[in-house]
Amino acid sequence: MNTHFRNMDEILALLPHLQEGATQVQETLIANLIMLSEIPAPTFEEEDRIKLLLQRMLECGLQNVSTDEAGNGVGIIQGKDPSRNILLVAHADSVYSEKTDHTISVLTDEVVGPGVADNSLGMAVLATLPNLLDTLGIEFNSNIVLLGSTKGLGSGNLDGLKFFMDNNRLPFDAGICIEGAQIGRLSYTSEGMFRASITCKLSEELEWQRVGESSAIIALNDVINRILEIPIPRRPKTSIVLGAVRGGKSYNVMATTSSLRFEVRSENAAMAEQIRGCIDDIVADIASKYNAKIAFNVVSIREPGGIAVGHPLVRNCRQVMEQLDLKPKIFPSISEVSELISRGLPAVTLGLTEAVNLHDLNETIRIQPIYKGLAQLLAMLFAIDGGFCNEPE
């Protein structure tokens, strides 16, 4: 296939061929998806999934395959110009532990199972891309650096990607982060965010007279009510998401422990920090009121930022999506793309297919839209490789 393009129009005209060509690797892609999905990979325990990714890369004939001290899996598809590099990232971890049944079901046009969209499909595309390029006879000028990043979710705080970027010596022209869902996703900015937990512990020797008046659940409820009273501005856009509450053991046992997991997002870093200060004050006040040990722990932080909507990388992404009859779903991200853009690297996050039941055990992706997602990905690699995503000097 001729991969020397004079302009974006020539890349856009190739999209139907790329979509059709992507169907030729369906068997390999689905096999990789099943194998990767059925390996438990909770955050900090991604080693087995990374080993399989590297094995599949080696079987594709890649020579530069390795892991680093953070457990990231790296493979390089060699280009003609060794001085140019494009980073393609998919996070390897999932929210499911080894106790979860990871059996995957493949139906006529669906794949069902925990984590297939977030983000086993992204990992499967990393494992399958060398086959796809070989099948279509595609060779890039740039090296394509494939990164299965570890420690991405929750308290992992993107530590795998951070380690890679701190220690990598390759200069990158741009980065693309791939997620299983949803196709049409286009993220090129990051919100300010902190993710935290509040744990409450009361003495186990509570006075019988105070039963019903004091418990870790009641104390935590007071914390939640006070958090909900914090004034939230409409501008800058800000939100507090209460994600999970736990507490107590049984009907007739006084609850001595409870916990809350939550997230604060804002377009303005100062506003997120202001809310953090308010929560600090609330926790101190409630702890004193109930004579309880209440701990407020921040597990991850993101700074707001991004590239402009008029950046050539974003503009070309939108052109490709529109040519594929996809309506761009534009929203900020706190995932891998936030780390890349915080380092000044032009980057976007793209979704690969349609999905439902996200983050449920019966998470489901559709197979047919994946080929459109792959065509979108190849087109953007062509665009970056051709220099069409560079900002004017």
Protein backbone atom coordinates (compact mmCIF):
# COMPACT_ATOMS: atom_id res chain seq x y z
CA MET A 1 0.00 0.00 0.00
CA ASN A 2 1.25 3.47 -0.90
CA THR A 3 1.70 5.36 2.37
CA HIS A 4 3.15 8.55 0.95
CA PHE A 5 0.36 11.12 1.22
CA ARG A 6 0.43 14.66 -0.07
CA ASN A 7 -2.47 15.88 2.07
CA MET A 8 -5.23 14.77 4.45
CA ASP A 9 -7.71 14.36 1.60
CA GLU A 10 -5.74 11.38 0.30
CA ILE A 11 -5.86 9.78 3.76
CA LEU A 12 -9.59 10.40 4.06
CA ALA A 13 -10.17 8.80 0.66
CA LEU A 14 -8.42 5.65 1.88
CA LEU A 15 -10.74 5.11 4.87
CA PRO A 16 -13.15 2.64 3.18
CA HIS A 17 -10.20 0.47 2.15
CA LEU A 18 -8.74 0.60 5.66
CA GLN A 19 -12.05 -0.37 7.22
CA GLU A 20 -12.46 -3.29 4.85
CA GLY A 21 -8.84 -4.34 5.34
CA ALA A 22 -9.24 -4.38 9.12
CA THR A 23 -11.74 -7.24 8.85
CA GLN A 24 -8.91 -9.49 7.64
CA VAL A 25 -7.44 -9.69 11.15
CA GLN A 26 -10.74 -10.45 12.91
CA GLU A 27 -9.70 -13.94 14.00
CA THR A 28 -6.39 -12.73 15.45
CA LEU A 29 -7.98 -9.71 17.13
CA ILE A 30 -10.74 -11.72 18.82
CA ALA A 31 -8.25 -14.38 19.92
CA ASN A 32 -6.01 -11.72 21.47
CA LEU A 33 -9.03 -10.07 23.09
CA ILE A 34 -10.17 -13.32 24.70
CA MET A 35 -6.72 -14.30 25.95
CA LEU A 36 -5.97 -10.87 27.40
CA SER A 37 -9.44 -10.48 28.91
CA GLU A 38 -9.30 -13.80 30.73
CA ILE A 39 -6.11 -12.84 32.59
CA PRO A 40 -6.96 -10.92 35.78
CA ALA A 41 -5.05 -7.63 35.87
CA PRO A 42 -6.13 -5.50 38.83
CA THR A 43 -4.05 -2.37 39.32
CA PHE A 44 -0.52 -3.26 40.57
CA GLU A 45 -0.99 -6.89 39.41
CA GLU A 46 -0.76 -6.59 35.62
CA GLU A 47 2.35 -8.75 35.17
CA ASP A 48 0.68 -11.79 33.58
CA ARG A 49 -1.30 -9.70 31.12
CA ILE A 50 1.82 -7.77 30.14
CA LYS A 51 3.70 -11.06 29.61
CA LEU A 52 1.04 -12.21 27.17
CA LEU A 53 1.10 -8.88 25.33
CA LEU A 54 4.88 -9.16 24.88
CA GLN A 55 4.58 -12.80 23.78
CA ARG A 56 2.08 -11.83 21.09
CA MET A 57 4.34 -8.98 19.94
CA LEU A 58 7.30 -11.36 19.64
CA GLU A 59 5.18 -13.82 17.68
CA CYS A 60 4.42 -10.97 15.26
CA GLY A 61 8.13 -10.59 14.64
CA LEU A 62 8.82 -7.43 16.63
CA GLN A 63 12.45 -7.28 17.73
CA ASN A 64 12.33 -4.42 20.22
CA VAL A 65 10.10 -5.86 22.94
CA SER A 66 10.72 -5.31 26.64
CA THR A 67 9.40 -4.42 30.07
CA ASP A 68 10.64 -1.68 32.37
CA GLU A 69 10.94 -1.35 36.14
CA ALA A 70 7.31 -0.22 36.40
CA GLY A 71 6.14 -3.38 34.63
CA ASN A 72 5.09 -1.58 31.44
CA GLY A 73 5.15 -3.64 28.24
CA VAL A 74 6.83 -1.96 25.28
CA GLY A 75 7.14 -2.99 21.64
CA ILE A 76 8.43 -0.95 18.70
CA ILE A 77 7.25 -1.28 15.11
CA GLN A 78 10.28 -0.03 13.20
CA GLY A 79 9.81 2.83 10.75
CA LYS A 80 12.03 4.11 7.99
CA ASP A 81 13.18 7.17 9.96
CA PRO A 82 14.56 6.16 13.39
CA SER A 83 14.51 9.77 14.60
CA ARG A 84 10.70 9.97 14.54
CA ASN A 85 8.35 8.22 16.96
CA ILE A 86 4.62 8.02 17.60
CA LEU A 87 3.40 6.74 21.00
CA LEU A 88 0.37 4.44 21.10
CA VAL A 89 -0.85 3.68 24.65
CA ALA A 90 -3.43 1.36 26.21
CA HIS A 91 -3.67 0.82 29.96
CA ALA A 92 -3.26 -2.81 31.00
CA ASP A 93 -5.06 -2.79 34.34
CA SER A 94 -8.73 -3.35 35.12
CA VAL A 95 -10.98 -2.90 38.15
CA TYR A 96 -11.56 -6.66 38.59
CA SER A 97 -9.57 -8.89 40.95
CA GLU A 98 -8.58 -12.51 40.43
CA LYS A 99 -11.67 -13.50 42.45
CA THR A 100 -13.90 -12.36 39.57
CA ASP A 101 -14.87 -14.91 36.92
CA HIS A 102 -13.04 -13.62 33.82
CA THR A 103 -14.67 -16.02 31.35
CA ILE A 104 -15.43 -14.28 28.04
CA SER A 105 -18.39 -15.06 25.77
CA VAL A 106 -18.20 -14.43 22.01
CA LEU A 107 -21.56 -14.03 20.28
CA THR A 108 -22.42 -13.26 16.64
CA ASP A 109 -21.51 -9.57 16.88
CA GLU A 110 -20.69 -9.13 20.55
CA VAL A 111 -18.04 -9.99 23.09
CA VAL A 112 -19.22 -10.12 26.71
CA GLY A 113 -17.20 -10.19 29.91
CA PRO A 114 -15.65 -8.07 32.64
CA GLY A 115 -13.30 -5.42 31.31
CA VAL A 116 -13.61 -6.20 27.59
CA ALA A 117 -14.18 -2.51 26.84
CA ASP A 118 -12.05 -1.08 29.64
CA ASN A 119 -9.54 -1.91 28.48
CA SER A 120 -8.88 -5.39 27.14
CA LEU A 121 -9.85 -4.26 23.63
CA GLY A 122 -7.25 -1.50 23.74
CA MET A 123 -4.61 -4.05 24.74
CA ALA A 124 -5.79 -6.47 22.05
CA VAL A 125 -5.35 -3.76 19.42
CA LEU A 126 -1.75 -3.22 20.58
CA ALA A 127 -1.15 -6.96 20.21
CA THR A 128 -2.85 -7.12 16.80
CA LEU A 129 -1.58 -3.94 15.13
CA PRO A 130 1.66 -5.52 13.82
CA ASN A 131 -0.44 -8.22 12.08
CA LEU A 132 -2.77 -5.60 10.64
CA LEU A 133 0.07 -3.50 9.23
CA ASP A 134 1.72 -6.59 7.73
CA THR A 135 -1.58 -7.78 6.22
CA LEU A 136 -2.23 -4.39 4.58
CA GLY A 137 1.40 -3.85 3.56
CA ILE A 138 1.69 -0.64 5.59
CA GLU A 139 5.06 0.76 6.61
CA PHE A 140 5.45 4.08 8.38
CA ASN A 141 8.33 6.53 8.29
CA SER A 142 8.03 6.88 12.08
CA ASN A 143 8.57 4.18 14.67
CA ILE A 144 5.28 3.19 16.31
CA VAL A 145 5.96 2.66 20.02
CA LEU A 146 3.33 0.33 21.52
CA LEU A 147 2.94 0.77 25.28
CA GLY A 148 0.82 -1.36 27.58
CA SER A 149 0.93 0.87 30.65
CA THR A 150 0.54 -0.35 34.21
CA LYS A 151 -0.76 1.22 37.41
CA GLY A 152 -3.20 3.43 35.55
CA LEU A 153 -6.46 3.20 37.47
CA GLY A 154 -7.44 4.53 40.89
CA SER A 155 -4.57 4.67 43.35
CA GLY A 156 -2.24 3.57 40.55
CA ASN A 157 -2.36 7.26 39.58
CA LEU A 158 -0.90 6.62 36.10
CA ASP A 159 2.39 5.66 37.75
CA GLY A 160 3.34 3.22 34.99
CA LEU A 161 3.00 5.85 32.27
CA LYS A 162 4.73 8.44 34.43
CA PHE A 163 7.69 6.11 34.91
CA PHE A 164 7.90 5.42 31.19
CA MET A 165 7.80 9.11 30.28
CA ASP A 166 10.37 9.98 32.95
CA ASN A 167 12.83 7.37 31.72
CA ASN A 168 12.15 7.12 28.00
CA ARG A 169 14.69 8.82 25.76
CA LEU A 170 12.75 8.72 22.49
CA PRO A 171 11.35 12.02 21.19
CA PHE A 172 7.67 11.67 20.29
CA ASP A 173 5.83 13.62 17.61
CA ALA A 174 2.44 12.86 19.20
CA GLY A 175 0.58 10.32 21.29
CA ILE A 176 -2.66 8.38 20.87
CA CYS A 177 -4.33 6.68 23.83
CA ILE A 178 -6.80 3.95 22.91
CA GLU A 179 -9.80 2.83 24.94
CA GLY A 180 -12.31 0.16 24.02
CA ALA A 181 -15.26 2.55 24.31
CA GLN A 182 -16.89 4.56 22.98
CA ILE A 183 -16.17 4.90 19.27
CA GLY A 184 -16.26 8.60 18.39
CA ARG A 185 -14.65 9.56 21.67
CA LEU A 186 -12.22 12.44 21.29
CA SER A 187 -10.45 13.67 24.42
CA TYR A 188 -7.69 16.24 24.14
CA THR A 189 -8.06 18.14 27.42
CA SER A 190 -7.83 17.18 31.07
CA GLU A 191 -9.88 18.41 34.00
CA GLY A 192 -8.35 19.21 37.36
CA MET A 193 -9.18 16.30 39.66
CA PHE A 194 -8.42 14.65 42.93
CA ARG A 195 -9.65 11.21 43.90
CA ALA A 196 -9.84 10.42 47.60
CA SER A 197 -11.16 8.22 50.38
CA ILE A 198 -12.48 9.04 53.84
CA THR A 199 -12.37 6.28 56.44
CA CYS A 200 -14.09 6.51 59.80
CA LYS A 201 -13.27 4.36 62.83
CA LEU A 202 -14.99 4.50 66.22
CA SER A 203 -14.08 2.70 69.41
CA GLU A 204 -15.40 -0.86 69.53
CA GLU A 205 -16.44 -0.28 73.15
CA LEU A 206 -19.35 2.04 72.49
CA GLU A 207 -21.65 2.73 75.41
CA TRP A 208 -24.96 0.89 75.20
CA GLN A 209 -26.81 4.10 76.03
CA ARG A 210 -25.51 5.64 72.82
CA VAL A 211 -26.60 2.80 70.52
CA GLY A 212 -28.56 4.40 67.70
CA GLU A 213 -27.05 7.80 68.38
CA SER A 214 -23.48 7.13 67.37
CA SER A 215 -21.88 4.79 64.83
CA ALA A 216 -19.32 5.01 62.07
CA ILE A 217 -22.17 5.08 59.57
CA ILE A 218 -23.82 8.05 61.27
CA ALA A 219 -20.51 9.90 61.50
CA LEU A 220 -19.78 9.25 57.82
CA ASN A 221 -23.31 10.33 56.93
CA ASP A 222 -22.60 13.66 58.62
CA VAL A 223 -19.42 13.98 56.55
CA ILE A 224 -21.36 13.29 53.34
CA ASN A 225 -24.10 15.79 54.22
CA ARG A 226 -21.52 18.47 54.91
CA ILE A 227 -19.71 17.72 51.64
CA LEU A 228 -22.99 18.11 49.77
CA GLU A 229 -23.38 21.56 51.35
CA ILE A 230 -20.12 22.81 49.79
CA PRO A 231 -21.05 25.50 47.22
CA ILE A 232 -20.32 24.22 43.70
CA PRO A 233 -19.94 26.92 41.01
CA ARG A 234 -21.41 26.62 37.54
CA ARG A 235 -18.27 28.29 36.20
CA PRO A 236 -15.66 26.93 36.27
CA LYS A 237 -17.47 23.64 35.72
CA THR A 238 -17.03 21.63 38.91
CA SER A 239 -18.48 18.42 40.34
CA ILE A 240 -18.21 16.13 43.35
CA VAL A 241 -18.94 12.47 42.60
CA LEU A 242 -19.65 10.21 45.59
CA GLY A 243 -18.61 6.86 44.21
CA ALA A 244 -18.81 4.19 46.92
CA VAL A 245 -19.88 3.89 50.56
CA ARG A 246 -19.19 0.95 52.86
CA GLY A 247 -19.85 0.33 56.53
CA GLY A 248 -21.12 -2.04 59.17
CA LYS A 249 -21.30 -5.82 59.49
CA SER A 250 -24.86 -6.88 60.28
CA TYR A 251 -28.36 -5.81 61.40
CA ASN A 252 -27.70 -5.73 65.13
CA VAL A 253 -24.00 -4.93 65.34
CA MET A 254 -22.90 -1.34 65.93
CA ALA A 255 -20.89 -0.13 62.94
CA THR A 256 -17.42 0.87 64.09
CA THR A 257 -15.93 1.41 60.63
CA SER A 258 -17.14 3.05 57.44
CA SER A 259 -15.61 4.48 54.29
CA LEU A 260 -16.35 6.78 51.37
CA ARG A 261 -14.65 6.93 47.99
CA PHE A 262 -15.21 10.03 45.91
CA GLU A 263 -13.81 12.29 43.22
CA VAL A 264 -13.71 16.05 42.76
CA ARG A 265 -13.33 17.49 39.26
CA SER A 266 -12.98 21.07 38.10
CA GLU A 267 -11.82 23.00 35.07
CA ASN A 268 -9.90 25.18 37.53
CA ALA A 269 -7.12 23.78 39.73
CA ALA A 270 -7.65 26.45 42.39
CA MET A 271 -11.31 25.47 42.75
CA ALA A 272 -10.42 21.79 43.23
CA GLU A 273 -7.87 22.81 45.87
CA GLN A 274 -10.44 25.02 47.59
CA ILE A 275 -12.88 22.10 47.84
CA ARG A 276 -10.08 19.92 49.17
CA GLY A 277 -9.52 22.46 51.95
CA CYS A 278 -13.22 22.50 52.79
CA ILE A 279 -13.26 18.71 53.11
CA ASP A 280 -10.21 18.83 55.38
CA ASP A 281 -12.12 21.17 57.69
CA ILE A 282 -15.26 19.00 57.59
CA VAL A 283 -13.33 15.85 58.49
CA ALA A 284 -11.63 17.56 61.45
CA ASP A 285 -14.95 18.90 62.76
CA ILE A 286 -16.83 15.59 62.47
CA ALA A 287 -13.94 13.64 64.03
CA SER A 288 -14.09 15.92 67.06
CA LYS A 289 -17.89 15.68 67.31
CA TYR A 290 -17.92 11.86 67.37
CA ASN A 291 -14.55 11.33 69.05
CA ALA A 292 -13.65 9.24 66.01
CA LYS A 293 -10.57 8.61 63.94
CA ILE A 294 -11.41 9.93 60.48
CA ALA A 295 -8.74 9.85 57.78
CA PHE A 296 -8.91 11.82 54.53
CA ASN A 297 -6.51 10.34 51.95
CA VAL A 298 -5.97 11.66 48.42
CA VAL A 299 -4.93 8.80 46.12
CA SER A 300 -4.53 10.58 42.77
CA ILE A 301 -4.39 14.10 41.36
CA ARG A 302 -4.63 15.58 37.85
CA GLU A 303 -3.93 19.12 36.73
CA PRO A 304 -6.19 20.78 34.13
CA GLY A 305 -4.73 21.33 30.68
CA GLY A 306 -4.89 20.25 27.08
CA ILE A 307 -4.28 21.19 23.48
CA ALA A 308 -6.47 23.66 21.59
CA VAL A 309 -9.52 22.59 19.60
CA GLY A 310 -7.82 24.15 16.57
CA HIS A 311 -4.65 22.07 16.95
CA PRO A 312 -4.00 20.11 13.72
CA LEU A 313 -4.09 16.83 15.65
CA VAL A 314 -7.59 17.55 16.94
CA ARG A 315 -8.80 19.02 13.67
CA ASN A 316 -7.65 15.97 11.70
CA CYS A 317 -9.23 13.60 14.23
CA ARG A 318 -12.55 15.34 13.69
CA GLN A 319 -12.16 15.14 9.91
CA VAL A 320 -11.47 11.41 10.06
CA MET A 321 -14.44 10.78 12.35
CA GLU A 322 -16.82 12.79 10.20
CA GLN A 323 -15.64 10.93 7.08
CA LEU A 324 -16.48 7.69 8.89
CA ASP A 325 -19.95 9.05 9.78
CA LEU A 326 -19.01 9.29 13.44
CA LYS A 327 -20.18 12.20 15.54
CA PRO A 328 -17.22 13.26 17.71
CA LYS A 329 -17.95 12.88 21.44
CA ILE A 330 -15.71 15.55 22.89
CA PHE A 331 -15.09 15.58 26.64
CA PRO A 332 -12.14 15.99 29.03
CA SER A 333 -10.22 12.99 30.30
CA ILE A 334 -8.34 12.13 33.48
CA SER A 335 -6.74 9.04 31.94
CA GLU A 336 -3.42 8.55 30.13
CA VAL A 337 -3.89 11.48 27.77
CA SER A 338 -3.85 13.87 30.75
CA GLU A 339 -0.31 12.78 31.61
CA LEU A 340 0.92 13.16 28.03
CA ILE A 341 -0.50 16.63 27.50
CA SER A 342 0.80 17.74 30.91
CA ARG A 343 4.28 17.04 29.50
CA GLY A 344 3.65 19.15 26.40
CA LEU A 345 3.11 16.20 24.06
CA PRO A 346 0.18 16.63 21.63
CA ALA A 347 -2.10 13.70 22.37
CA VAL A 348 -5.68 12.46 22.11
CA THR A 349 -7.74 9.57 23.41
CA LEU A 350 -9.79 7.62 20.87
CA GLY A 351 -12.49 4.98 21.42
CA LEU A 352 -12.58 1.81 19.33
CA THR A 353 -16.14 0.46 19.34
CA GLU A 354 -19.66 0.62 20.77
CA ALA A 355 -20.14 -0.75 24.29
CA VAL A 356 -22.88 -1.21 26.87
CA ASN A 357 -22.96 -2.28 30.53
CA LEU A 358 -19.65 -0.55 31.14
CA HIS A 359 -17.98 -1.58 34.41
CA ASP A 360 -20.48 -4.39 34.97
CA LEU A 361 -19.56 -8.08 34.87
CA ASN A 362 -21.51 -8.38 31.61
CA GLU A 363 -19.66 -5.50 29.93
CA THR A 364 -20.36 -5.87 26.20
CA ILE A 365 -18.69 -4.60 23.04
CA ARG A 366 -19.84 -4.86 19.42
CA ILE A 367 -17.46 -6.44 16.93
CA GLN A 368 -18.41 -4.75 13.64
CA PRO A 369 -17.72 -1.14 14.74
CA ILE A 370 -14.19 -2.18 15.73
CA TYR A 371 -13.16 -2.13 12.06
CA LYS A 372 -14.28 1.47 11.78
CA GLY A 373 -12.34 2.16 14.98
CA LEU A 374 -9.23 0.56 13.51
CA ALA A 375 -9.60 2.54 10.27
CA GLN A 376 -9.81 5.70 12.38
CA LEU A 377 -6.64 4.72 14.26
CA LEU A 378 -4.68 3.92 11.10
CA ALA A 379 -5.76 7.18 9.47
CA MET A 380 -4.52 9.16 12.46
CA LEU A 381 -1.21 7.30 12.46
CA PHE A 382 -0.87 8.22 8.76
CA ALA A 383 -1.72 11.84 9.56
CA ILE A 384 0.87 12.12 12.34
CA ASP A 385 3.46 10.20 10.32
CA GLY A 386 2.89 12.51 7.34
CA GLY A 387 3.46 15.63 9.44
CA PHE A 388 -0.13 16.84 8.98
CA CYS A 389 -0.65 17.10 12.76
CA ASN A 390 2.28 19.41 13.42
CA GLU A 391 1.55 22.93 14.59
CA PRO A 392 2.79 25.65 12.18
CA GLU A 393 6.13 27.06 13.28
